[in-house]
Structures are given as structure tokens and as C-alpha cells.
Amino acid sequence: MWVTGMELSPFAVMGIIILVYLLLGCVFESMSMLLLTVPIFFPLVQSLGFDLIWFGILVVVVTEISLITPPVGMNVFVLSGVIKDISTKTIFRGIVPFWVADMVRLALIAFIPAISLALPHWLYA
């Protein structure tokens, strides 16, 4: 494959995939993002030797984070449309602590796959 020929480490490729999801989340909603990217990223992640259940969990987490990521977080604009009394800027300021906590959670899941794989392994052991 083209990406495997670039001689990047597998975790660097995963970092790029996460960045792509964060950027796409600024302009797409989650279903469109998943339908456009999973057919491309799934074989790549499989060829890099990552656990596919872990990749699925990671994609769901990063997709949901991307929907509140400034500057164009789709969920923020939906909330802004529902609550007319509060400005979009105020909503973005209000979600910052949650966004930071989500990024920490994403880093933990990305760097310590056993966290997200514990329950599936217990269920199928």
C-alpha cells in the first residue's frame, strides 16, 4: 500500500487517522464521516496489525469528539439552534472542559488499548 510504503510507524498512521477524523468532524456529521472513511481506513488499520475492535471503539470516540470540536462543531450549532437565548460563543466556552476531558480519554484509549478491549475480552473469553 501507499501508506505502508511511507515507512511511518503504525502509531503515527493512527495519529494521522485521528487528526483526519477531528478535521472532518468540523464539517461533516458522524454518519457521513463513517461512510466516507471506514472503507478506506479499515483495510489500512488491518494491514498495520491493530486490533479491529479497538479501532472501532477509537473511531466512535473520535467521531463524537469531533462533533463538538471548534470552530464548526455540529452538535454545538444544533444546541445553539435549540436554545436561542445563549450565544454559540458561550456554548463553545462551556464545552471546553468536556472537550479536554474527551481528548484525555481519547489519548488513554489510543495509547493503552487494553482499556477499551477489557470488556470485549471478558465477554468472549
N, C-alpha and C. Protein backbone atom coordinates (compact mmCIF):
# COMPACT_ATOMS: atom_id res chain seq x y z
N MET A 1 0.83 -1.19 0.00
CA MET A 1 0.00 0.00 0.00
C MET A 1 0.88 1.26 0.00
N TRP A 2 0.26 2.33 -0.37
CA TRP A 2 0.96 3.61 -0.44
C TRP A 2 1.39 4.08 0.94
N VAL A 3 0.54 3.93 1.94
CA VAL A 3 0.86 4.41 3.29
C VAL A 3 1.93 3.53 3.92
N THR A 4 1.84 2.23 3.73
CA THR A 4 2.86 1.36 4.32
C THR A 4 4.21 1.56 3.65
N GLY A 5 4.23 2.03 2.42
CA GLY A 5 5.48 2.33 1.74
C GLY A 5 6.15 3.59 2.23
N MET A 6 5.43 4.43 3.00
CA MET A 6 6.00 5.67 3.52
C MET A 6 6.89 5.43 4.73
N GLU A 7 6.89 4.21 5.25
CA GLU A 7 7.71 3.82 6.39
C GLU A 7 7.44 4.64 7.64
N LEU A 8 6.17 4.98 7.86
CA LEU A 8 5.76 5.61 9.11
C LEU A 8 5.48 4.52 10.13
N SER A 9 5.63 4.86 11.41
CA SER A 9 5.29 3.89 12.44
C SER A 9 3.77 3.71 12.46
N PRO A 10 3.30 2.55 12.89
CA PRO A 10 1.85 2.34 12.93
C PRO A 10 1.12 3.36 13.81
N PHE A 11 1.74 3.78 14.91
CA PHE A 11 1.09 4.77 15.77
C PHE A 11 1.06 6.15 15.13
N ALA A 12 2.03 6.47 14.28
CA ALA A 12 1.99 7.73 13.55
C ALA A 12 0.82 7.72 12.55
N VAL A 13 0.60 6.58 11.91
CA VAL A 13 -0.52 6.46 10.98
C VAL A 13 -1.84 6.61 11.75
N MET A 14 -1.95 6.01 12.93
CA MET A 14 -3.16 6.16 13.73
C MET A 14 -3.35 7.61 14.17
N GLY A 15 -2.26 8.30 14.48
CA GLY A 15 -2.35 9.71 14.81
C GLY A 15 -2.89 10.54 13.65
N ILE A 16 -2.45 10.21 12.46
CA ILE A 16 -2.94 10.91 11.26
C ILE A 16 -4.43 10.61 11.05
N ILE A 17 -4.82 9.36 11.25
CA ILE A 17 -6.23 8.99 11.11
C ILE A 17 -7.08 9.75 12.12
N ILE A 18 -6.62 9.86 13.35
CA ILE A 18 -7.35 10.61 14.38
C ILE A 18 -7.47 12.07 13.98
N LEU A 19 -6.40 12.66 13.47
CA LEU A 19 -6.46 14.06 13.02
C LEU A 19 -7.45 14.24 11.87
N VAL A 20 -7.47 13.28 10.96
CA VAL A 20 -8.42 13.36 9.84
C VAL A 20 -9.85 13.36 10.37
N TYR A 21 -10.14 12.49 11.33
CA TYR A 21 -11.49 12.45 11.90
C TYR A 21 -11.83 13.75 12.61
N LEU A 22 -10.88 14.32 13.34
CA LEU A 22 -11.15 15.58 14.02
C LEU A 22 -11.43 16.71 13.03
N LEU A 23 -10.68 16.73 11.95
CA LEU A 23 -10.91 17.77 10.94
C LEU A 23 -12.22 17.56 10.19
N LEU A 24 -12.52 16.32 9.83
CA LEU A 24 -13.76 16.04 9.13
C LEU A 24 -14.98 16.32 10.00
N GLY A 25 -14.83 16.13 11.31
CA GLY A 25 -15.94 16.38 12.22
C GLY A 25 -16.35 17.83 12.28
N CYS A 26 -15.48 18.71 11.85
CA CYS A 26 -15.82 20.13 11.83
C CYS A 26 -16.80 20.45 10.71
N VAL A 27 -16.88 19.63 9.68
CA VAL A 27 -17.75 19.94 8.55
C VAL A 27 -18.76 18.85 8.20
N PHE A 28 -18.57 17.63 8.69
CA PHE A 28 -19.49 16.54 8.40
C PHE A 28 -20.18 16.08 9.67
N GLU A 29 -21.33 15.46 9.51
CA GLU A 29 -21.94 14.78 10.65
C GLU A 29 -21.38 13.36 10.71
N SER A 30 -21.66 12.66 11.81
CA SER A 30 -20.96 11.40 12.09
C SER A 30 -21.21 10.30 11.05
N MET A 31 -22.44 10.12 10.61
CA MET A 31 -22.72 9.04 9.67
C MET A 31 -21.99 9.26 8.34
N SER A 32 -21.97 10.49 7.86
CA SER A 32 -21.26 10.78 6.61
C SER A 32 -19.76 10.52 6.76
N MET A 33 -19.23 10.92 7.91
CA MET A 33 -17.80 10.68 8.16
C MET A 33 -17.48 9.20 8.15
N LEU A 34 -18.28 8.42 8.83
CA LEU A 34 -18.02 6.99 8.91
C LEU A 34 -18.16 6.32 7.55
N LEU A 35 -19.19 6.68 6.80
CA LEU A 35 -19.39 6.06 5.49
C LEU A 35 -18.29 6.42 4.50
N LEU A 36 -17.71 7.60 4.64
CA LEU A 36 -16.64 8.01 3.73
C LEU A 36 -15.27 7.45 4.12
N THR A 37 -15.02 7.27 5.40
CA THR A 37 -13.66 6.96 5.83
C THR A 37 -13.41 5.50 6.20
N VAL A 38 -14.38 4.83 6.79
CA VAL A 38 -14.13 3.46 7.25
C VAL A 38 -13.73 2.52 6.12
N PRO A 39 -14.35 2.59 4.92
CA PRO A 39 -13.88 1.70 3.84
C PRO A 39 -12.42 1.94 3.44
N ILE A 40 -11.92 3.12 3.69
CA ILE A 40 -10.53 3.42 3.36
C ILE A 40 -9.60 3.05 4.51
N PHE A 41 -10.00 3.42 5.74
CA PHE A 41 -9.12 3.22 6.89
C PHE A 41 -9.12 1.79 7.42
N PHE A 42 -10.22 1.07 7.28
CA PHE A 42 -10.31 -0.28 7.84
C PHE A 42 -9.23 -1.22 7.28
N PRO A 43 -9.07 -1.33 5.94
CA PRO A 43 -8.01 -2.22 5.44
C PRO A 43 -6.61 -1.75 5.83
N LEU A 44 -6.44 -0.43 5.93
CA LEU A 44 -5.14 0.11 6.33
C LEU A 44 -4.81 -0.29 7.75
N VAL A 45 -5.76 -0.12 8.66
CA VAL A 45 -5.54 -0.48 10.06
C VAL A 45 -5.34 -1.98 10.19
N GLN A 46 -6.07 -2.75 9.42
CA GLN A 46 -5.91 -4.20 9.44
C GLN A 46 -4.51 -4.60 8.97
N SER A 47 -4.01 -3.95 7.92
CA SER A 47 -2.68 -4.29 7.42
C SER A 47 -1.57 -3.86 8.37
N LEU A 48 -1.85 -2.88 9.22
CA LEU A 48 -0.86 -2.43 10.20
C LEU A 48 -0.85 -3.33 11.44
N GLY A 49 -1.81 -4.24 11.54
CA GLY A 49 -1.81 -5.21 12.64
C GLY A 49 -2.51 -4.77 13.90
N PHE A 50 -3.33 -3.73 13.84
CA PHE A 50 -4.06 -3.28 15.02
C PHE A 50 -5.30 -4.14 15.23
N ASP A 51 -5.75 -4.19 16.48
CA ASP A 51 -6.99 -4.89 16.81
C ASP A 51 -8.16 -4.10 16.21
N LEU A 52 -9.02 -4.77 15.47
CA LEU A 52 -10.10 -4.09 14.77
C LEU A 52 -11.23 -3.66 15.70
N ILE A 53 -11.43 -4.36 16.80
CA ILE A 53 -12.41 -3.91 17.79
C ILE A 53 -11.93 -2.62 18.43
N TRP A 54 -10.66 -2.54 18.75
CA TRP A 54 -10.07 -1.32 19.30
C TRP A 54 -10.21 -0.17 18.31
N PHE A 55 -9.98 -0.43 17.04
CA PHE A 55 -10.13 0.61 16.03
C PHE A 55 -11.57 1.10 15.96
N GLY A 56 -12.53 0.19 16.04
CA GLY A 56 -13.94 0.59 16.03
C GLY A 56 -14.29 1.47 17.21
N ILE A 57 -13.81 1.11 18.39
CA ILE A 57 -14.06 1.93 19.58
C ILE A 57 -13.39 3.28 19.42
N LEU A 58 -12.18 3.30 18.93
CA LEU A 58 -11.44 4.55 18.73
C LEU A 58 -12.17 5.46 17.73
N VAL A 59 -12.69 4.89 16.66
CA VAL A 59 -13.40 5.68 15.65
C VAL A 59 -14.67 6.29 16.24
N VAL A 60 -15.40 5.53 17.02
CA VAL A 60 -16.62 6.07 17.63
C VAL A 60 -16.29 7.21 18.58
N VAL A 61 -15.27 7.04 19.40
CA VAL A 61 -14.88 8.08 20.35
C VAL A 61 -14.41 9.33 19.62
N VAL A 62 -13.53 9.20 18.65
CA VAL A 62 -13.00 10.38 17.95
C VAL A 62 -14.08 11.04 17.10
N THR A 63 -15.03 10.27 16.58
CA THR A 63 -16.13 10.86 15.82
C THR A 63 -17.01 11.72 16.71
N GLU A 64 -17.32 11.24 17.88
CA GLU A 64 -18.15 12.02 18.79
C GLU A 64 -17.41 13.25 19.31
N ILE A 65 -16.12 13.14 19.54
CA ILE A 65 -15.33 14.31 19.96
C ILE A 65 -15.30 15.34 18.85
N SER A 66 -15.18 14.90 17.63
CA SER A 66 -15.07 15.85 16.52
C SER A 66 -16.33 16.66 16.32
N LEU A 67 -17.47 16.15 16.78
CA LEU A 67 -18.72 16.87 16.60
C LEU A 67 -18.89 18.04 17.56
N ILE A 68 -18.01 18.15 18.56
CA ILE A 68 -18.03 19.34 19.44
C ILE A 68 -16.75 20.15 19.31
N THR A 69 -15.89 19.78 18.38
CA THR A 69 -14.62 20.47 18.21
C THR A 69 -14.82 21.80 17.49
N PRO A 70 -14.34 22.89 18.09
CA PRO A 70 -14.41 24.18 17.40
C PRO A 70 -13.57 24.15 16.13
N PRO A 71 -13.79 24.94 15.16
CA PRO A 71 -14.69 26.09 15.11
C PRO A 71 -16.09 25.77 14.62
N VAL A 72 -16.32 24.58 14.06
CA VAL A 72 -17.63 24.30 13.48
C VAL A 72 -18.21 23.01 14.04
N GLY A 73 -18.18 22.83 15.34
CA GLY A 73 -18.74 21.62 15.93
C GLY A 73 -20.24 21.54 15.67
N MET A 74 -20.65 20.51 14.95
CA MET A 74 -22.05 20.39 14.52
C MET A 74 -23.01 20.33 15.71
N ASN A 75 -22.67 19.59 16.75
CA ASN A 75 -23.56 19.49 17.90
C ASN A 75 -23.73 20.82 18.61
N VAL A 76 -22.70 21.65 18.60
CA VAL A 76 -22.79 22.97 19.22
C VAL A 76 -23.79 23.84 18.47
N PHE A 77 -23.79 23.76 17.16
CA PHE A 77 -24.72 24.56 16.39
C PHE A 77 -26.15 24.05 16.51
N VAL A 78 -26.32 22.76 16.68
CA VAL A 78 -27.65 22.22 16.94
C VAL A 78 -28.16 22.75 18.28
N LEU A 79 -27.32 22.71 19.29
CA LEU A 79 -27.69 23.22 20.61
C LEU A 79 -27.97 24.72 20.55
N SER A 80 -27.18 25.44 19.78
CA SER A 80 -27.38 26.88 19.62
C SER A 80 -28.72 27.16 18.94
N GLY A 81 -29.13 26.31 18.02
CA GLY A 81 -30.41 26.49 17.35
C GLY A 81 -31.59 26.18 18.26
N VAL A 82 -31.40 25.25 19.18
CA VAL A 82 -32.47 24.88 20.10
C VAL A 82 -32.63 25.91 21.21
N ILE A 83 -31.49 26.37 21.74
CA ILE A 83 -31.51 27.35 22.84
C ILE A 83 -31.14 28.71 22.26
N LYS A 84 -32.12 29.50 21.98
CA LYS A 84 -31.90 30.79 21.30
C LYS A 84 -31.30 31.85 22.23
N ASP A 85 -31.46 31.71 23.56
CA ASP A 85 -31.03 32.74 24.50
C ASP A 85 -29.53 32.74 24.74
N ILE A 86 -28.83 31.66 24.41
CA ILE A 86 -27.40 31.53 24.69
C ILE A 86 -26.64 31.57 23.37
N SER A 87 -25.58 32.38 23.33
CA SER A 87 -24.82 32.52 22.09
C SER A 87 -23.96 31.28 21.84
N THR A 88 -23.58 31.10 20.59
CA THR A 88 -22.72 29.99 20.21
C THR A 88 -21.36 30.10 20.89
N LYS A 89 -20.85 31.30 21.04
CA LYS A 89 -19.57 31.52 21.71
C LYS A 89 -19.63 31.04 23.16
N THR A 90 -20.73 31.31 23.83
CA THR A 90 -20.89 30.86 25.22
C THR A 90 -20.95 29.34 25.30
N ILE A 91 -21.63 28.73 24.35
CA ILE A 91 -21.71 27.26 24.33
C ILE A 91 -20.32 26.66 24.09
N PHE A 92 -19.56 27.23 23.15
CA PHE A 92 -18.20 26.73 22.92
C PHE A 92 -17.34 26.88 24.17
N ARG A 93 -17.46 27.99 24.88
CA ARG A 93 -16.70 28.17 26.12
C ARG A 93 -17.13 27.15 27.17
N GLY A 94 -18.41 26.82 27.19
CA GLY A 94 -18.91 25.86 28.16
C GLY A 94 -18.48 24.43 27.91
N ILE A 95 -18.22 24.08 26.67
CA ILE A 95 -17.84 22.70 26.38
C ILE A 95 -16.34 22.45 26.47
N VAL A 96 -15.55 23.50 26.64
CA VAL A 96 -14.09 23.33 26.66
C VAL A 96 -13.63 22.31 27.71
N PRO A 97 -14.10 22.35 28.96
CA PRO A 97 -13.64 21.33 29.92
C PRO A 97 -14.01 19.91 29.49
N PHE A 98 -15.17 19.76 28.89
CA PHE A 98 -15.60 18.43 28.45
C PHE A 98 -14.78 17.98 27.24
N TRP A 99 -14.44 18.92 26.36
CA TRP A 99 -13.61 18.60 25.21
C TRP A 99 -12.22 18.15 25.66
N VAL A 100 -11.65 18.86 26.64
CA VAL A 100 -10.33 18.48 27.16
C VAL A 100 -10.39 17.10 27.80
N ALA A 101 -11.43 16.84 28.58
CA ALA A 101 -11.58 15.51 29.20
C ALA A 101 -11.74 14.43 28.14
N ASP A 102 -12.48 14.73 27.09
CA ASP A 102 -12.61 13.77 25.99
C ASP A 102 -11.29 13.51 25.29
N MET A 103 -10.48 14.54 25.12
CA MET A 103 -9.17 14.36 24.48
C MET A 103 -8.26 13.50 25.36
N VAL A 104 -8.33 13.67 26.67
CA VAL A 104 -7.56 12.83 27.59
C VAL A 104 -8.04 11.38 27.47
N ARG A 105 -9.36 11.20 27.43
CA ARG A 105 -9.92 9.85 27.26
C ARG A 105 -9.48 9.23 25.94
N LEU A 106 -9.47 10.03 24.88
CA LEU A 106 -9.02 9.53 23.58
C LEU A 106 -7.55 9.12 23.63
N ALA A 107 -6.73 9.93 24.27
CA ALA A 107 -5.30 9.59 24.38
C ALA A 107 -5.12 8.29 25.17
N LEU A 108 -5.87 8.13 26.25
CA LEU A 108 -5.76 6.90 27.03
C LEU A 108 -6.18 5.68 26.21
N ILE A 109 -7.28 5.80 25.48
CA ILE A 109 -7.74 4.68 24.66
C ILE A 109 -6.76 4.39 23.53
N ALA A 110 -6.18 5.44 22.95
CA ALA A 110 -5.26 5.25 21.82
C ALA A 110 -3.93 4.64 22.26
N PHE A 111 -3.41 5.08 23.41
CA PHE A 111 -2.08 4.62 23.84
C PHE A 111 -2.12 3.38 24.73
N ILE A 112 -3.27 3.11 25.34
CA ILE A 112 -3.42 1.92 26.18
C ILE A 112 -4.65 1.16 25.69
N PRO A 113 -4.52 0.40 24.61
CA PRO A 113 -5.67 -0.30 24.02
C PRO A 113 -6.37 -1.25 24.98
N ALA A 114 -5.67 -1.76 25.98
CA ALA A 114 -6.28 -2.71 26.92
C ALA A 114 -7.45 -2.09 27.66
N ILE A 115 -7.47 -0.77 27.81
CA ILE A 115 -8.59 -0.10 28.48
C ILE A 115 -9.89 -0.35 27.73
N SER A 116 -9.86 -0.17 26.42
CA SER A 116 -11.08 -0.34 25.64
C SER A 116 -11.35 -1.79 25.26
N LEU A 117 -10.36 -2.65 25.39
CA LEU A 117 -10.53 -4.05 24.98
C LEU A 117 -10.84 -4.98 26.15
N ALA A 118 -10.82 -4.47 27.38
CA ALA A 118 -11.03 -5.33 28.55
C ALA A 118 -12.41 -5.97 28.52
N LEU A 119 -13.44 -5.17 28.35
CA LEU A 119 -14.80 -5.72 28.37
C LEU A 119 -15.07 -6.70 27.22
N PRO A 120 -14.70 -6.37 25.97
CA PRO A 120 -14.91 -7.37 24.91
C PRO A 120 -14.16 -8.69 25.16
N HIS A 121 -12.97 -8.61 25.73
CA HIS A 121 -12.22 -9.84 26.01
C HIS A 121 -12.86 -10.63 27.14
N TRP A 122 -13.41 -9.96 28.13
CA TRP A 122 -14.10 -10.67 29.20
C TRP A 122 -15.36 -11.34 28.68
N LEU A 123 -16.06 -10.69 27.76
CA LEU A 123 -17.30 -11.25 27.24
C LEU A 123 -17.06 -12.46 26.36
N TYR A 124 -15.95 -12.51 25.66
CA TYR A 124 -15.69 -13.60 24.71
C TYR A 124 -14.58 -14.53 25.17
N ALA A 125 -14.24 -14.48 26.44
CA ALA A 125 -13.19 -15.37 26.96
C ALA A 125 -13.78 -16.67 27.45
